Amino acid sequence: MISLADILAEHAEREGPLLPILHDVQKVFGHVSEEAMREIAHALNLTRAEVYGVVSFYHDFRTEAETRPVLKLCRAEACKARGVEALVPVAEGQTRVKVEPIYCLGLCSVGPAALVGETVHARLDSRRLTALLASL
């Protein structure tokens, strides 16, 4: 298993490593804990407040682990034009999966689209979204 020390070491020689480190921490641990923020700040010679400021600014970072699967549903204009708003009640009508808005996955021609982990799901309709939610 990858540790925080491994992540920090991987980015040690990189210029401007804070965001890549935070993304890797989020990916490996599912969140950026207070302890991780302290260690990252120490390793990069930053204050904890500077690290927390970045973590709290970007909506993709979490300070607590999410116990449910996360589905990011594209709510950008192209997906709206392709019917995503009709899918919102389906997604928000359940509690087993955390549904978050995301604004553009770059799949405008095959929307509505969603992201689960690193897997993209395109051409969603009510039936497909319901099946996707049930599979998580």
N, C-alpha and C. Protein backbone atom coordinates (compact mmCIF):
# COMPACT_ATOMS: atom_id res chain seq x y z
N MET A 1 0.85 -1.18 0.00
CA MET A 1 0.00 0.00 0.00
C MET A 1 0.89 1.25 0.00
N ILE A 2 0.46 2.25 -0.68
CA ILE A 2 1.20 3.50 -0.79
C ILE A 2 0.97 4.34 0.46
N SER A 3 2.04 4.91 0.99
CA SER A 3 1.94 5.76 2.17
C SER A 3 2.07 7.22 1.77
N LEU A 4 1.74 8.10 2.71
CA LEU A 4 1.90 9.53 2.48
C LEU A 4 3.36 9.86 2.22
N ALA A 5 4.27 9.20 2.94
CA ALA A 5 5.70 9.41 2.72
C ALA A 5 6.10 9.04 1.29
N ASP A 6 5.51 7.98 0.74
CA ASP A 6 5.79 7.58 -0.64
C ASP A 6 5.33 8.67 -1.62
N ILE A 7 4.15 9.21 -1.36
CA ILE A 7 3.61 10.26 -2.23
C ILE A 7 4.49 11.50 -2.17
N LEU A 8 4.88 11.89 -0.97
CA LEU A 8 5.74 13.06 -0.82
C LEU A 8 7.08 12.84 -1.52
N ALA A 9 7.65 11.66 -1.38
CA ALA A 9 8.93 11.35 -2.02
C ALA A 9 8.81 11.38 -3.54
N GLU A 10 7.70 10.90 -4.05
CA GLU A 10 7.48 10.87 -5.50
C GLU A 10 7.49 12.27 -6.10
N HIS A 11 7.04 13.25 -5.33
CA HIS A 11 6.94 14.63 -5.82
C HIS A 11 8.04 15.54 -5.29
N ALA A 12 9.05 14.98 -4.63
CA ALA A 12 10.07 15.78 -3.95
C ALA A 12 10.81 16.74 -4.87
N GLU A 13 11.09 16.35 -6.08
CA GLU A 13 11.87 17.19 -7.00
C GLU A 13 11.00 18.01 -7.94
N ARG A 14 9.71 17.90 -7.80
CA ARG A 14 8.79 18.59 -8.69
C ARG A 14 8.62 20.05 -8.27
N GLU A 15 8.52 20.93 -9.26
CA GLU A 15 8.24 22.32 -8.96
C GLU A 15 6.74 22.48 -8.79
N GLY A 16 6.32 23.19 -7.74
CA GLY A 16 4.89 23.38 -7.47
C GLY A 16 4.16 22.08 -7.22
N PRO A 17 4.60 21.29 -6.24
CA PRO A 17 4.05 19.95 -6.06
C PRO A 17 2.75 19.86 -5.26
N LEU A 18 2.26 20.96 -4.70
CA LEU A 18 1.14 20.84 -3.76
C LEU A 18 -0.08 20.19 -4.39
N LEU A 19 -0.57 20.69 -5.51
CA LEU A 19 -1.78 20.10 -6.11
C LEU A 19 -1.58 18.64 -6.52
N PRO A 20 -0.47 18.29 -7.18
CA PRO A 20 -0.30 16.86 -7.49
C PRO A 20 -0.25 15.98 -6.25
N ILE A 21 0.37 16.47 -5.19
CA ILE A 21 0.39 15.70 -3.94
C ILE A 21 -1.02 15.54 -3.40
N LEU A 22 -1.77 16.62 -3.35
CA LEU A 22 -3.15 16.54 -2.83
C LEU A 22 -4.00 15.59 -3.66
N HIS A 23 -3.86 15.64 -4.98
CA HIS A 23 -4.63 14.72 -5.83
C HIS A 23 -4.25 13.26 -5.55
N ASP A 24 -2.96 13.01 -5.39
CA ASP A 24 -2.54 11.63 -5.09
C ASP A 24 -3.03 11.18 -3.72
N VAL A 25 -2.97 12.06 -2.73
CA VAL A 25 -3.46 11.72 -1.39
C VAL A 25 -4.95 11.40 -1.46
N GLN A 26 -5.71 12.25 -2.16
CA GLN A 26 -7.16 12.04 -2.30
C GLN A 26 -7.43 10.70 -2.99
N LYS A 27 -6.65 10.41 -4.03
CA LYS A 27 -6.87 9.18 -4.79
C LYS A 27 -6.56 7.94 -3.94
N VAL A 28 -5.47 7.99 -3.18
CA VAL A 28 -5.05 6.82 -2.40
C VAL A 28 -5.90 6.64 -1.14
N PHE A 29 -6.16 7.73 -0.42
CA PHE A 29 -6.83 7.63 0.88
C PHE A 29 -8.30 8.02 0.86
N GLY A 30 -8.78 8.60 -0.24
CA GLY A 30 -10.18 9.00 -0.33
C GLY A 30 -10.49 10.34 0.28
N HIS A 31 -9.49 10.94 0.94
CA HIS A 31 -9.65 12.27 1.55
C HIS A 31 -8.28 12.79 1.96
N VAL A 32 -8.25 14.06 2.32
CA VAL A 32 -7.01 14.68 2.81
C VAL A 32 -7.25 15.02 4.28
N SER A 33 -6.70 14.22 5.15
CA SER A 33 -6.94 14.38 6.58
C SER A 33 -6.15 15.55 7.15
N GLU A 34 -6.51 15.94 8.37
CA GLU A 34 -5.76 17.00 9.07
C GLU A 34 -4.30 16.59 9.22
N GLU A 35 -4.07 15.34 9.60
CA GLU A 35 -2.70 14.85 9.77
C GLU A 35 -1.93 14.94 8.45
N ALA A 36 -2.58 14.55 7.34
CA ALA A 36 -1.92 14.63 6.04
C ALA A 36 -1.59 16.07 5.68
N MET A 37 -2.51 16.99 5.97
CA MET A 37 -2.25 18.40 5.68
C MET A 37 -1.05 18.91 6.47
N ARG A 38 -0.95 18.49 7.72
CA ARG A 38 0.20 18.89 8.55
C ARG A 38 1.51 18.36 7.96
N GLU A 39 1.50 17.08 7.56
CA GLU A 39 2.72 16.48 7.02
C GLU A 39 3.10 17.09 5.67
N ILE A 40 2.10 17.36 4.86
CA ILE A 40 2.36 17.99 3.55
C ILE A 40 2.92 19.39 3.76
N ALA A 41 2.32 20.14 4.65
CA ALA A 41 2.79 21.50 4.94
C ALA A 41 4.25 21.46 5.41
N HIS A 42 4.55 20.54 6.32
CA HIS A 42 5.92 20.43 6.83
C HIS A 42 6.89 20.08 5.70
N ALA A 43 6.52 19.12 4.86
CA ALA A 43 7.39 18.66 3.78
C ALA A 43 7.65 19.76 2.75
N LEU A 44 6.66 20.62 2.53
CA LEU A 44 6.78 21.66 1.50
C LEU A 44 7.16 23.02 2.07
N ASN A 45 7.39 23.06 3.39
CA ASN A 45 7.73 24.32 4.05
C ASN A 45 6.61 25.36 3.86
N LEU A 46 5.38 24.89 4.03
CA LEU A 46 4.20 25.75 3.97
C LEU A 46 3.52 25.73 5.33
N THR A 47 2.62 26.67 5.54
CA THR A 47 1.82 26.60 6.76
C THR A 47 0.66 25.64 6.52
N ARG A 48 0.14 25.10 7.60
CA ARG A 48 -1.04 24.23 7.48
C ARG A 48 -2.19 25.02 6.88
N ALA A 49 -2.27 26.32 7.21
CA ALA A 49 -3.34 27.17 6.68
C ALA A 49 -3.24 27.30 5.16
N GLU A 50 -2.03 27.35 4.63
CA GLU A 50 -1.87 27.43 3.17
C GLU A 50 -2.36 26.15 2.51
N VAL A 51 -2.02 25.03 3.10
CA VAL A 51 -2.46 23.74 2.54
C VAL A 51 -3.98 23.62 2.69
N TYR A 52 -4.51 23.95 3.86
CA TYR A 52 -5.95 23.88 4.08
C TYR A 52 -6.68 24.82 3.11
N GLY A 53 -6.11 25.98 2.85
CA GLY A 53 -6.74 26.93 1.92
C GLY A 53 -6.92 26.32 0.54
N VAL A 54 -5.95 25.56 0.08
CA VAL A 54 -6.05 24.90 -1.22
C VAL A 54 -7.07 23.77 -1.15
N VAL A 55 -7.00 22.97 -0.10
CA VAL A 55 -7.93 21.84 0.06
C VAL A 55 -9.38 22.34 0.11
N SER A 56 -9.61 23.40 0.84
CA SER A 56 -10.98 23.90 1.00
C SER A 56 -11.46 24.68 -0.23
N PHE A 57 -10.55 25.16 -1.05
CA PHE A 57 -10.94 25.92 -2.24
C PHE A 57 -11.48 25.02 -3.34
N TYR A 58 -10.82 23.88 -3.56
CA TYR A 58 -11.21 22.98 -4.64
C TYR A 58 -12.23 21.96 -4.15
N HIS A 59 -13.35 21.88 -4.85
CA HIS A 59 -14.44 21.01 -4.40
C HIS A 59 -14.14 19.52 -4.52
N ASP A 60 -13.12 19.13 -5.25
CA ASP A 60 -12.80 17.71 -5.38
C ASP A 60 -12.12 17.13 -4.14
N PHE A 61 -11.54 17.99 -3.32
CA PHE A 61 -10.86 17.49 -2.13
C PHE A 61 -11.82 17.37 -0.97
N ARG A 62 -11.67 16.28 -0.21
CA ARG A 62 -12.49 16.04 0.97
C ARG A 62 -11.57 15.99 2.19
N THR A 63 -12.08 16.47 3.31
CA THR A 63 -11.31 16.38 4.55
C THR A 63 -11.75 15.19 5.39
N GLU A 64 -12.83 14.55 4.99
CA GLU A 64 -13.30 13.34 5.65
C GLU A 64 -13.65 12.31 4.59
N ALA A 65 -13.41 11.06 4.88
CA ALA A 65 -13.69 10.00 3.92
C ALA A 65 -15.19 9.89 3.67
N GLU A 66 -15.55 9.70 2.42
CA GLU A 66 -16.94 9.46 2.04
C GLU A 66 -17.13 7.95 2.04
N THR A 67 -18.10 7.48 2.81
CA THR A 67 -18.32 6.04 2.93
C THR A 67 -19.12 5.47 1.76
N ARG A 68 -19.84 6.32 1.08
CA ARG A 68 -20.64 5.87 -0.05
C ARG A 68 -19.86 6.03 -1.36
N PRO A 69 -20.24 5.27 -2.39
CA PRO A 69 -19.65 5.53 -3.72
C PRO A 69 -20.06 6.94 -4.17
N VAL A 70 -19.21 7.57 -4.97
CA VAL A 70 -19.49 8.93 -5.45
C VAL A 70 -19.70 8.91 -6.95
N LEU A 71 -20.83 9.47 -7.38
CA LEU A 71 -21.15 9.62 -8.79
C LEU A 71 -21.18 11.11 -9.08
N LYS A 72 -20.34 11.55 -10.01
CA LYS A 72 -20.30 12.96 -10.40
C LYS A 72 -21.10 13.09 -11.69
N LEU A 73 -22.21 13.80 -11.60
CA LEU A 73 -23.13 13.94 -12.73
C LEU A 73 -22.87 15.28 -13.40
N CYS A 74 -22.57 15.23 -14.70
CA CYS A 74 -22.27 16.46 -15.43
C CYS A 74 -23.52 17.32 -15.55
N ARG A 75 -23.38 18.57 -15.13
CA ARG A 75 -24.51 19.51 -15.17
C ARG A 75 -24.20 20.71 -16.08
N ALA A 76 -23.21 20.56 -16.96
CA ALA A 76 -22.83 21.64 -17.88
C ALA A 76 -23.89 21.79 -18.97
N GLU A 77 -23.75 22.86 -19.72
CA GLU A 77 -24.76 23.24 -20.71
C GLU A 77 -25.05 22.15 -21.74
N ALA A 78 -24.01 21.51 -22.27
CA ALA A 78 -24.24 20.49 -23.29
C ALA A 78 -25.03 19.31 -22.72
N CYS A 79 -24.70 18.89 -21.51
CA CYS A 79 -25.46 17.79 -20.90
C CYS A 79 -26.87 18.25 -20.55
N LYS A 80 -27.03 19.52 -20.20
CA LYS A 80 -28.38 20.04 -19.96
C LYS A 80 -29.19 19.97 -21.25
N ALA A 81 -28.56 20.34 -22.36
CA ALA A 81 -29.25 20.29 -23.65
C ALA A 81 -29.60 18.86 -24.04
N ARG A 82 -28.86 17.91 -23.52
CA ARG A 82 -29.10 16.51 -23.85
C ARG A 82 -29.94 15.79 -22.80
N GLY A 83 -30.49 16.54 -21.81
CA GLY A 83 -31.48 15.97 -20.91
C GLY A 83 -31.05 15.60 -19.52
N VAL A 84 -29.92 16.09 -19.04
CA VAL A 84 -29.46 15.71 -17.71
C VAL A 84 -30.42 16.15 -16.61
N GLU A 85 -31.13 17.25 -16.80
CA GLU A 85 -32.01 17.74 -15.75
C GLU A 85 -33.12 16.74 -15.42
N ALA A 86 -33.53 15.95 -16.39
CA ALA A 86 -34.53 14.91 -16.13
C ALA A 86 -33.96 13.77 -15.30
N LEU A 87 -32.63 13.64 -15.28
CA LEU A 87 -31.97 12.58 -14.53
C LEU A 87 -31.68 12.97 -13.09
N VAL A 88 -31.66 14.26 -12.81
CA VAL A 88 -31.31 14.74 -11.47
C VAL A 88 -32.23 14.15 -10.40
N PRO A 89 -33.55 14.15 -10.57
CA PRO A 89 -34.41 13.55 -9.54
C PRO A 89 -34.14 12.05 -9.32
N VAL A 90 -33.77 11.35 -10.38
CA VAL A 90 -33.44 9.93 -10.25
C VAL A 90 -32.20 9.77 -9.37
N ALA A 91 -31.19 10.60 -9.65
CA ALA A 91 -29.93 10.51 -8.91
C ALA A 91 -30.10 10.97 -7.47
N GLU A 92 -30.80 12.05 -7.27
CA GLU A 92 -30.94 12.61 -5.93
C GLU A 92 -32.02 11.91 -5.11
N GLY A 93 -32.80 11.05 -5.74
CA GLY A 93 -33.88 10.36 -5.05
C GLY A 93 -33.43 9.13 -4.27
N GLN A 94 -32.15 8.90 -4.21
CA GLN A 94 -31.63 7.73 -3.49
C GLN A 94 -30.55 8.21 -2.52
N THR A 95 -30.21 7.37 -1.55
CA THR A 95 -29.23 7.78 -0.54
C THR A 95 -28.01 6.87 -0.47
N ARG A 96 -28.01 5.80 -1.23
CA ARG A 96 -26.91 4.84 -1.18
C ARG A 96 -25.64 5.35 -1.84
N VAL A 97 -25.79 6.25 -2.83
CA VAL A 97 -24.67 6.79 -3.59
C VAL A 97 -24.64 8.30 -3.39
N LYS A 98 -23.47 8.87 -3.17
CA LYS A 98 -23.32 10.32 -3.07
C LYS A 98 -23.26 10.86 -4.49
N VAL A 99 -24.18 11.76 -4.81
CA VAL A 99 -24.22 12.37 -6.13
C VAL A 99 -23.74 13.80 -6.01
N GLU A 100 -22.76 14.14 -6.85
CA GLU A 100 -22.20 15.49 -6.85
C GLU A 100 -22.27 16.04 -8.26
N PRO A 101 -22.50 17.34 -8.38
CA PRO A 101 -22.45 17.94 -9.72
C PRO A 101 -21.00 18.13 -10.16
N ILE A 102 -20.79 18.02 -11.44
CA ILE A 102 -19.49 18.35 -12.04
C ILE A 102 -19.82 19.14 -13.29
N TYR A 103 -18.98 20.06 -13.63
CA TYR A 103 -19.29 20.94 -14.75
C TYR A 103 -18.32 20.72 -15.89
N CYS A 104 -18.65 19.74 -16.71
CA CYS A 104 -18.03 19.36 -17.96
C CYS A 104 -16.99 18.27 -17.80
N LEU A 105 -17.33 17.15 -18.38
CA LEU A 105 -16.41 16.02 -18.46
C LEU A 105 -15.76 15.94 -19.84
N GLY A 106 -16.13 16.87 -20.71
CA GLY A 106 -15.58 16.88 -22.06
C GLY A 106 -16.22 15.85 -22.97
N LEU A 107 -17.39 15.40 -22.62
CA LEU A 107 -18.10 14.39 -23.40
C LEU A 107 -19.40 14.95 -23.97
N CYS A 108 -19.33 16.17 -24.42
CA CYS A 108 -20.53 16.91 -24.82
C CYS A 108 -21.37 16.20 -25.87
N SER A 109 -20.73 15.50 -26.79
CA SER A 109 -21.49 14.85 -27.87
C SER A 109 -22.14 13.55 -27.44
N VAL A 110 -21.76 13.03 -26.26
CA VAL A 110 -22.33 11.75 -25.82
C VAL A 110 -22.97 11.88 -24.44
N GLY A 111 -23.37 13.08 -24.08
CA GLY A 111 -24.01 13.31 -22.79
C GLY A 111 -25.44 12.84 -22.81
N PRO A 112 -26.07 12.89 -21.68
CA PRO A 112 -25.56 13.19 -20.36
C PRO A 112 -24.51 12.17 -19.92
N ALA A 113 -23.55 12.68 -19.15
CA ALA A 113 -22.43 11.84 -18.74
C ALA A 113 -22.22 11.93 -17.23
N ALA A 114 -21.56 10.92 -16.69
CA ALA A 114 -21.23 10.88 -15.27
C ALA A 114 -19.87 10.24 -15.10
N LEU A 115 -19.28 10.49 -13.94
CA LEU A 115 -17.97 9.94 -13.61
C LEU A 115 -18.08 9.22 -12.27
N VAL A 116 -17.62 7.98 -12.24
CA VAL A 116 -17.55 7.21 -11.00
C VAL A 116 -16.11 6.74 -10.88
N GLY A 117 -15.40 7.28 -9.90
CA GLY A 117 -13.96 7.00 -9.81
C GLY A 117 -13.29 7.58 -11.03
N GLU A 118 -12.66 6.73 -11.80
CA GLU A 118 -12.02 7.16 -13.05
C GLU A 118 -12.76 6.64 -14.27
N THR A 119 -13.96 6.09 -14.05
CA THR A 119 -14.74 5.51 -15.14
C THR A 119 -15.83 6.47 -15.56
N VAL A 120 -15.86 6.75 -16.86
CA VAL A 120 -16.86 7.65 -17.43
C VAL A 120 -18.03 6.83 -17.95
N HIS A 121 -19.22 7.35 -17.73
CA HIS A 121 -20.45 6.72 -18.24
C HIS A 121 -21.16 7.75 -19.08
N ALA A 122 -21.40 7.42 -20.35
CA ALA A 122 -21.99 8.37 -21.29
C ALA A 122 -23.35 7.89 -21.78
N ARG A 123 -24.01 8.78 -22.48
CA ARG A 123 -25.34 8.50 -23.06
C ARG A 123 -26.32 7.98 -22.01
N LEU A 124 -26.29 8.63 -20.85
CA LEU A 124 -27.18 8.20 -19.77
C LEU A 124 -28.62 8.60 -20.04
N ASP A 125 -29.51 7.73 -19.71
CA ASP A 125 -30.93 8.03 -19.67
C ASP A 125 -31.41 7.48 -18.32
N SER A 126 -32.68 7.60 -18.04
CA SER A 126 -33.20 7.20 -16.74
C SER A 126 -32.90 5.73 -16.44
N ARG A 127 -33.10 4.88 -17.43
CA ARG A 127 -32.87 3.44 -17.25
C ARG A 127 -31.40 3.15 -16.97
N ARG A 128 -30.52 3.73 -17.77
CA ARG A 128 -29.09 3.49 -17.60
C ARG A 128 -28.57 4.05 -16.27
N LEU A 129 -29.05 5.24 -15.90
CA LEU A 129 -28.61 5.83 -14.64
C LEU A 129 -29.09 5.00 -13.46
N THR A 130 -30.33 4.53 -13.52
CA THR A 130 -30.85 3.68 -12.45
C THR A 130 -30.02 2.40 -12.32
N ALA A 131 -29.67 1.79 -13.44
CA ALA A 131 -28.86 0.57 -13.42
C ALA A 131 -27.46 0.88 -12.87
N LEU A 132 -26.89 2.02 -13.26
CA LEU A 132 -25.58 2.41 -12.77
C LEU A 132 -25.60 2.62 -11.26
N LEU A 133 -26.59 3.34 -10.78
CA LEU A 133 -26.72 3.58 -9.34
C LEU A 133 -26.88 2.26 -8.58
N ALA A 134 -27.63 1.33 -9.13
CA ALA A 134 -27.85 0.04 -8.48
C ALA A 134 -26.57 -0.80 -8.45
N SER A 135 -25.70 -0.57 -9.42
CA SER A 135 -24.48 -1.38 -9.50
C SER A 135 -23.38 -0.89 -8.57
N LEU A 136 -23.54 0.29 -8.00
CA LEU A 136 -22.49 0.86 -7.15
C LEU A 136 -22.62 0.43 -5.71
